[in-house]
Amino acid sequence: MSTIVKDFLTPANFEQAWYKVRDNKGCAGIDEETIEEFALNLKANLAGLRNAVTQNTYQVKPLKQALIPKGGGKLRELRIPSIRDRIVQQALLNVLVPIIEPTFSDSSFAYRPNRSIIKAVERVAEWRDRRYVWILDADIVKFFDNIDRQILLTQIRRYIDHPGILCLLKAWIASDIVTNQGIKKTDRGIPQGAVISPLLANIYLNKFDKDISQNNVQLVRYADDFLLLAKSRNEILQAYTEVVKLLHSLNLAIHPEKTQITNFERGFRFLGHGFMNNNIFPLESPREKAKAAKKKFFARKKKRLKRRRKLDIKNRQRK
């Protein structure tokens, strides 16, 4: 058994994963088991879950679809794993991050330790002060939904090629989705809402980050939002062509309506901040709006679930 697998399957690692999932809160998955319910028999539940993974009897549950308002009357789909699946994913994440994280490009800022939107904004300012004043402000079309799973698994094998781990990852990213209309199957993409997905997203774009940075441009990327900065308009135009080509090799595409060539004199928005000449100022971020809407959605859902459980208890007591 490899060191990664041994570390993954230790009781201490599963316990650490549980506390992380608990602290992140979140609602129940398709089996409706809540964090509070899992905690009622915590020691036995963790041991049973770890044993199931060890003995290859662990089965991934379908994802529960949640449609979250994201402004403009549009909805964002989240795919929510069960509490147990989140714990196993977090346990694997605990051992993969220290191995994979150091290989990521310095231009990537999302879902990484000690990195943030603010640090990404500060990096943009640093390149501006070095006279990288021409901008390609780009967005990838439905990035999470369009990730090619075969390409992703090939990239993952560069870090770990253990059949059991790869089977787990395949099961998590290819899980069926339970919607109000029935079961939905997908042949590409990774689920937004899964614990493991942010790491997988950064693995998928890591080659892009490094290849594009070999040109005379500077990259600042936060998930699927990114800027390229150059010293001349001609360089940024050449970079645009290269971006399209590199993303095409990953079966991804730039969003034509959300992508523009601009500069600091004209101004632009990025990660909830406005940039104009030497000024940077916070704006009402669509990302923050979506985060607030998501928080309200799950708070309402949790209240409804609690009310329903109370009614169930009362009905049982009457009988």
Protein backbone atom coordinates (compact mmCIF):
# COMPACT_ATOMS: atom_id res chain seq x y z
CA MET A 1 0.00 0.00 0.00
CA SER A 2 1.40 3.42 -0.96
CA THR A 3 2.17 6.09 1.64
CA ILE A 4 -0.64 8.26 0.26
CA VAL A 5 -3.21 5.51 0.73
CA LYS A 6 -1.93 4.68 4.23
CA ASP A 7 -2.15 8.33 5.27
CA PHE A 8 -5.58 8.64 3.66
CA LEU A 9 -7.03 5.70 5.60
CA THR A 10 -5.81 6.53 9.10
CA PRO A 11 -8.47 7.11 11.80
CA ALA A 12 -6.83 10.46 12.63
CA ASN A 13 -7.20 11.65 9.04
CA PHE A 14 -10.91 10.72 8.91
CA GLU A 15 -11.46 12.48 12.22
CA GLN A 16 -9.73 15.60 10.93
CA ALA A 17 -11.85 15.41 7.77
CA TRP A 18 -15.03 15.17 9.85
CA TYR A 19 -14.19 18.34 11.79
CA LYS A 20 -13.48 20.21 8.57
CA VAL A 21 -16.82 19.14 7.06
CA ARG A 22 -18.62 19.97 10.31
CA ASP A 23 -17.08 23.44 10.47
CA ASN A 24 -18.04 24.13 6.85
CA LYS A 25 -21.64 23.30 7.78
CA GLY A 26 -23.79 22.85 4.69
CA CYS A 27 -27.03 20.98 4.21
CA ALA A 28 -27.77 17.28 3.94
CA GLY A 29 -27.27 15.36 0.73
CA ILE A 30 -29.71 13.07 -1.05
CA ASP A 31 -29.95 10.71 1.96
CA GLU A 32 -31.07 13.69 4.14
CA GLU A 33 -28.54 12.82 6.85
CA THR A 34 -27.50 16.06 8.54
CA ILE A 35 -24.22 16.95 10.22
CA GLU A 36 -26.01 16.88 13.59
CA GLU A 37 -27.34 13.37 12.95
CA PHE A 38 -23.95 12.04 11.89
CA ALA A 39 -22.46 13.49 15.09
CA LEU A 40 -24.91 11.62 17.34
CA ASN A 41 -22.95 8.39 16.86
CA LEU A 42 -19.72 9.95 15.67
CA LYS A 43 -17.13 7.35 16.66
CA ALA A 44 -19.04 4.42 15.15
CA ASN A 45 -20.02 6.39 12.03
CA LEU A 46 -16.42 7.41 11.31
CA ALA A 47 -15.11 3.90 11.93
CA GLY A 48 -17.79 2.38 9.70
CA LEU A 49 -17.12 4.87 6.92
CA ARG A 50 -13.36 4.32 7.03
CA ASN A 51 -13.78 0.53 7.09
CA ALA A 52 -16.10 0.68 4.09
CA VAL A 53 -13.45 2.58 2.09
CA THR A 54 -10.70 0.21 3.26
CA GLN A 55 -12.71 -2.91 2.37
CA ASN A 56 -13.96 -1.51 -0.97
CA THR A 57 -17.60 -1.64 0.13
CA TYR A 58 -18.01 2.15 0.20
CA GLN A 59 -20.53 3.34 -2.38
CA VAL A 60 -20.83 6.92 -3.55
CA LYS A 61 -24.35 8.34 -3.28
CA PRO A 62 -25.98 10.40 -6.04
CA LEU A 63 -25.65 14.17 -5.84
CA LYS A 64 -28.57 16.36 -4.85
CA GLN A 65 -29.26 19.25 -7.19
CA ALA A 66 -29.72 22.71 -5.68
CA LEU A 67 -30.49 25.71 -7.90
CA ILE A 68 -29.14 28.93 -6.36
CA PRO A 69 -30.16 32.43 -7.54
CA LYS A 70 -27.17 34.29 -8.97
CA GLY A 71 -28.66 37.57 -10.18
CA GLY A 72 -30.33 38.62 -13.39
CA GLY A 73 -32.98 35.97 -12.86
CA LYS A 74 -30.44 33.23 -13.57
CA LEU A 75 -29.77 30.15 -11.48
CA ARG A 76 -26.53 28.36 -10.63
CA GLU A 77 -26.61 24.62 -10.17
CA LEU A 78 -24.88 23.12 -7.16
CA ARG A 79 -24.52 19.36 -6.83
CA ILE A 80 -24.45 18.41 -3.17
CA PRO A 81 -22.78 15.20 -1.96
CA SER A 82 -23.94 13.40 1.16
CA ILE A 83 -22.23 14.18 4.48
CA ARG A 84 -20.42 10.82 4.31
CA ASP A 85 -19.15 11.44 0.80
CA ARG A 86 -17.94 14.89 1.85
CA ILE A 87 -15.97 13.37 4.73
CA VAL A 88 -14.25 10.82 2.48
CA GLN A 89 -13.49 13.52 -0.10
CA GLN A 90 -12.03 15.75 2.60
CA ALA A 91 -9.93 12.88 3.94
CA LEU A 92 -8.42 12.38 0.49
CA LEU A 93 -7.99 16.12 0.06
CA ASN A 94 -5.99 16.24 3.31
CA VAL A 95 -3.31 13.98 1.85
CA LEU A 96 -3.37 15.22 -1.76
CA VAL A 97 -3.04 18.95 -1.13
CA PRO A 98 0.49 18.82 0.40
CA ILE A 99 1.67 16.81 -2.63
CA ILE A 100 -0.08 18.72 -5.42
CA GLU A 101 -0.22 22.28 -4.08
CA PRO A 102 3.54 23.03 -4.53
CA THR A 103 3.28 22.17 -8.26
CA PHE A 104 0.69 24.88 -8.98
CA SER A 105 1.58 28.09 -10.79
CA ASP A 106 2.20 31.25 -8.79
CA SER A 107 -0.42 32.95 -10.97
CA SER A 108 -3.30 30.85 -9.55
CA PHE A 109 -5.15 32.29 -6.52
CA ALA A 110 -8.42 30.39 -5.99
CA TYR A 111 -8.97 27.53 -3.54
CA ARG A 112 -5.39 27.60 -2.27
CA PRO A 113 -3.87 28.03 1.20
CA ASN A 114 -2.84 31.60 2.05
CA ARG A 115 -4.27 32.95 -1.20
CA SER A 116 -7.38 35.03 -1.77
CA ILE A 117 -9.20 37.49 -3.99
CA ILE A 118 -7.37 40.35 -2.25
CA LYS A 119 -3.98 38.80 -3.01
CA ALA A 120 -5.02 38.37 -6.65
CA VAL A 121 -6.03 42.04 -6.80
CA GLU A 122 -2.71 43.05 -5.24
CA ARG A 123 -0.85 41.00 -7.86
CA VAL A 124 -2.69 42.86 -10.64
CA ALA A 125 -1.54 46.14 -9.07
CA GLU A 126 2.05 44.87 -8.94
CA TRP A 127 2.06 44.09 -12.68
CA ARG A 128 0.42 47.45 -13.44
CA ASP A 129 3.25 49.21 -11.57
CA ARG A 130 5.70 47.31 -13.79
CA ARG A 131 3.95 48.81 -16.84
CA TYR A 132 1.88 45.80 -17.80
CA VAL A 133 -1.04 48.05 -18.69
CA TRP A 134 -2.84 46.18 -21.49
CA ILE A 135 -5.44 43.67 -20.32
CA LEU A 136 -7.21 40.60 -21.61
CA ASP A 137 -10.12 40.21 -19.19
CA ALA A 138 -11.36 36.67 -19.82
CA ASP A 139 -13.92 34.17 -18.60
CA ILE A 140 -14.27 30.47 -19.47
CA VAL A 141 -17.65 29.20 -20.69
CA LYS A 142 -19.26 26.98 -18.00
CA PHE A 143 -15.86 25.86 -16.79
CA PHE A 144 -16.90 23.31 -14.15
CA ASP A 145 -19.56 21.80 -16.44
CA ASN A 146 -17.22 21.44 -19.42
CA ILE A 147 -14.14 19.86 -17.86
CA ASP A 148 -13.11 16.82 -19.90
CA ARG A 149 -12.93 13.95 -17.40
CA GLN A 150 -10.47 11.88 -19.41
CA ILE A 151 -8.05 14.80 -19.68
CA LEU A 152 -8.50 15.45 -15.95
CA LEU A 153 -7.77 11.85 -14.97
CA THR A 154 -4.68 11.83 -17.19
CA GLN A 155 -3.44 14.92 -15.35
CA ILE A 156 -4.21 13.39 -11.95
CA ARG A 157 -2.14 10.30 -12.82
CA ARG A 158 0.95 12.52 -12.89
CA TYR A 159 0.56 12.84 -9.12
CA ILE A 160 -0.99 9.52 -8.14
CA ASP A 161 -1.69 6.41 -10.16
CA HIS A 162 -3.26 4.21 -7.50
CA PRO A 163 -6.30 2.35 -9.00
CA GLY A 164 -8.38 2.64 -5.82
CA ILE A 165 -7.91 6.41 -5.54
CA LEU A 166 -8.64 6.90 -9.24
CA CYS A 167 -11.83 4.84 -8.91
CA LEU A 168 -12.98 7.04 -6.04
CA LEU A 169 -12.33 10.20 -8.03
CA LYS A 170 -14.15 8.80 -11.08
CA ALA A 171 -17.16 7.87 -8.94
CA TRP A 172 -17.34 11.31 -7.32
CA ILE A 173 -17.11 13.34 -10.52
CA ALA A 174 -19.45 11.09 -12.53
CA SER A 175 -22.19 10.64 -9.91
CA ASP A 176 -25.79 10.82 -11.03
CA ILE A 177 -27.67 13.98 -10.05
CA VAL A 178 -31.09 13.80 -8.45
CA THR A 179 -33.28 16.68 -9.67
CA ASN A 180 -36.96 17.51 -9.29
CA GLN A 181 -37.43 16.08 -12.78
CA GLY A 182 -35.64 12.80 -12.04
CA ILE A 183 -32.14 11.37 -12.43
CA LYS A 184 -29.69 13.35 -14.55
CA LYS A 185 -26.52 11.78 -15.96
CA THR A 186 -23.51 13.67 -17.32
CA ASP A 187 -20.51 12.67 -19.42
CA ARG A 188 -18.31 15.69 -18.66
CA GLY A 189 -17.69 18.27 -15.96
CA ILE A 190 -17.11 18.08 -12.22
CA PRO A 191 -19.72 18.92 -9.57
CA GLN A 192 -19.74 22.40 -8.09
CA GLY A 193 -20.46 21.78 -4.44
CA ALA A 194 -18.20 18.73 -4.03
CA VAL A 195 -15.33 19.08 -1.56
CA ILE A 196 -12.78 17.66 -4.01
CA SER A 197 -13.78 19.82 -7.01
CA PRO A 198 -11.72 22.98 -6.30
CA LEU A 199 -8.48 20.98 -6.24
CA LEU A 200 -9.47 19.15 -9.42
CA ALA A 201 -10.26 22.48 -11.11
CA ASN A 202 -6.78 23.82 -10.34
CA ILE A 203 -5.17 20.58 -11.53
CA TYR A 204 -7.08 20.91 -14.81
CA LEU A 205 -5.87 24.47 -15.48
CA ASN A 206 -2.33 24.08 -14.15
CA LYS A 207 -0.82 23.33 -17.56
CA PHE A 208 -2.70 26.29 -19.05
CA ASP A 209 -1.31 28.55 -16.29
CA LYS A 210 2.26 27.49 -16.99
CA ASP A 211 2.04 27.47 -20.79
CA ILE A 212 0.48 30.91 -21.11
CA SER A 213 3.02 32.37 -18.67
CA GLN A 214 5.83 31.44 -21.05
CA ASN A 215 4.72 34.27 -23.35
CA ASN A 216 5.44 37.98 -22.83
CA VAL A 217 2.37 38.30 -20.62
CA GLN A 218 1.50 37.93 -16.96
CA LEU A 219 -1.43 35.83 -15.74
CA VAL A 220 -3.61 36.36 -12.68
CA ARG A 221 -6.25 33.64 -12.38
CA TYR A 222 -8.97 33.07 -9.82
CA ALA A 223 -10.89 29.87 -10.70
CA ASP A 224 -12.33 30.46 -14.18
CA ASP A 225 -11.89 34.27 -14.08
CA PHE A 226 -8.51 35.47 -15.26
CA LEU A 227 -6.57 38.46 -16.53
CA LEU A 228 -3.63 38.53 -18.87
CA LEU A 229 -1.46 41.64 -18.63
CA ALA A 230 1.00 42.85 -21.27
CA LYS A 231 3.08 45.93 -22.02
CA SER A 232 1.62 46.47 -25.49
CA ARG A 233 -1.66 46.01 -27.31
CA ASN A 234 0.04 43.83 -29.91
CA GLU A 235 1.31 41.45 -27.21
CA ILE A 236 -2.15 41.14 -25.66
CA LEU A 237 -3.69 40.41 -29.07
CA GLN A 238 -1.14 37.64 -29.64
CA ALA A 239 -1.86 36.30 -26.16
CA TYR A 240 -5.60 36.22 -26.92
CA THR A 241 -4.92 33.88 -29.86
CA GLU A 242 -2.74 31.67 -27.67
CA VAL A 243 -5.38 31.54 -24.92
CA VAL A 244 -8.03 30.36 -27.37
CA LYS A 245 -5.68 27.64 -28.66
CA LEU A 246 -4.64 26.42 -25.19
CA LEU A 247 -8.22 26.31 -23.92
CA HIS A 248 -9.33 24.48 -27.06
CA SER A 249 -6.77 21.77 -26.27
CA LEU A 250 -8.60 21.33 -22.94
CA ASN A 251 -12.03 21.28 -24.68
CA LEU A 252 -12.81 24.67 -23.14
CA ALA A 253 -13.71 28.01 -24.71
CA ILE A 254 -13.58 31.70 -23.83
CA HIS A 255 -16.89 33.40 -23.12
CA PRO A 256 -17.27 35.96 -25.94
CA GLU A 257 -19.63 38.25 -24.01
CA LYS A 258 -17.53 38.27 -20.84
CA THR A 259 -14.13 38.67 -22.49
CA GLN A 260 -12.60 41.98 -23.53
CA ILE A 261 -9.31 43.69 -24.37
CA THR A 262 -8.88 46.85 -22.35
CA ASN A 263 -6.31 48.83 -20.33
CA PHE A 264 -5.99 50.63 -17.02
CA GLU A 265 -6.78 54.00 -18.61
CA ARG A 266 -10.12 52.75 -19.89
CA GLY A 267 -10.74 50.73 -16.74
CA PHE A 268 -12.19 47.29 -16.05
CA ARG A 269 -13.68 45.06 -13.33
CA PHE A 270 -12.10 41.97 -11.87
CA LEU A 271 -13.03 39.90 -8.80
CA GLY A 272 -15.42 42.50 -7.40
CA HIS A 273 -12.97 45.41 -7.81
CA GLY A 274 -12.79 48.31 -10.23
CA PHE A 275 -9.46 49.25 -11.80
CA MET A 276 -8.98 52.73 -13.28
CA ASN A 277 -5.51 54.18 -13.88
CA ASN A 278 -3.77 53.85 -10.50
CA ASN A 279 -7.00 53.45 -8.55
CA ILE A 280 -8.50 50.23 -7.24
CA PHE A 281 -11.89 50.27 -5.52
CA PRO A 282 -14.32 47.58 -4.31
CA LEU A 283 -17.54 47.03 -6.25
CA GLU A 284 -20.62 44.98 -5.54
CA SER A 285 -19.23 41.65 -6.63
CA PRO A 286 -21.43 39.13 -8.49
CA ARG A 287 -19.39 36.46 -6.67
CA GLU A 288 -20.31 37.97 -3.29
CA LYS A 289 -23.96 38.31 -4.36
CA ALA A 290 -24.00 34.64 -5.31
CA LYS A 291 -22.35 33.71 -2.01
CA ALA A 292 -24.99 35.65 -0.04
CA ALA A 293 -27.81 34.10 -2.07
CA LYS A 294 -26.36 30.63 -1.50
CA LYS A 295 -26.13 31.26 2.26
CA LYS A 296 -29.77 32.41 2.43
CA PHE A 297 -30.94 29.48 0.31
CA PHE A 298 -29.33 26.86 2.56
CA ALA A 299 -30.44 28.65 5.75
CA ARG A 300 -34.06 28.52 4.57
CA LYS A 301 -33.67 24.90 3.53
CA LYS A 302 -32.21 23.97 6.92
CA LYS A 303 -35.13 25.62 8.73
CA ARG A 304 -37.66 23.77 6.58
CA LEU A 305 -35.89 20.47 7.26
CA LYS A 306 -35.87 21.10 11.03
CA ARG A 307 -39.59 21.93 11.00
CA ARG A 308 -40.33 18.78 9.04
CA ARG A 309 -38.31 16.62 11.44
CA LYS A 310 -40.11 18.15 14.44
CA LEU A 311 -43.45 17.35 12.85
CA ASP A 312 -42.29 13.79 12.16
CA ILE A 313 -41.31 13.38 15.83
CA LYS A 314 -44.67 14.75 17.01
CA ASN A 315 -46.57 12.44 14.67
CA ARG A 316 -44.63 9.43 15.92
CA GLN A 317 -45.30 10.43 19.55
CA ARG A 318 -49.05 10.69 18.86
CA LYS A 319 -49.08 7.21 17.42
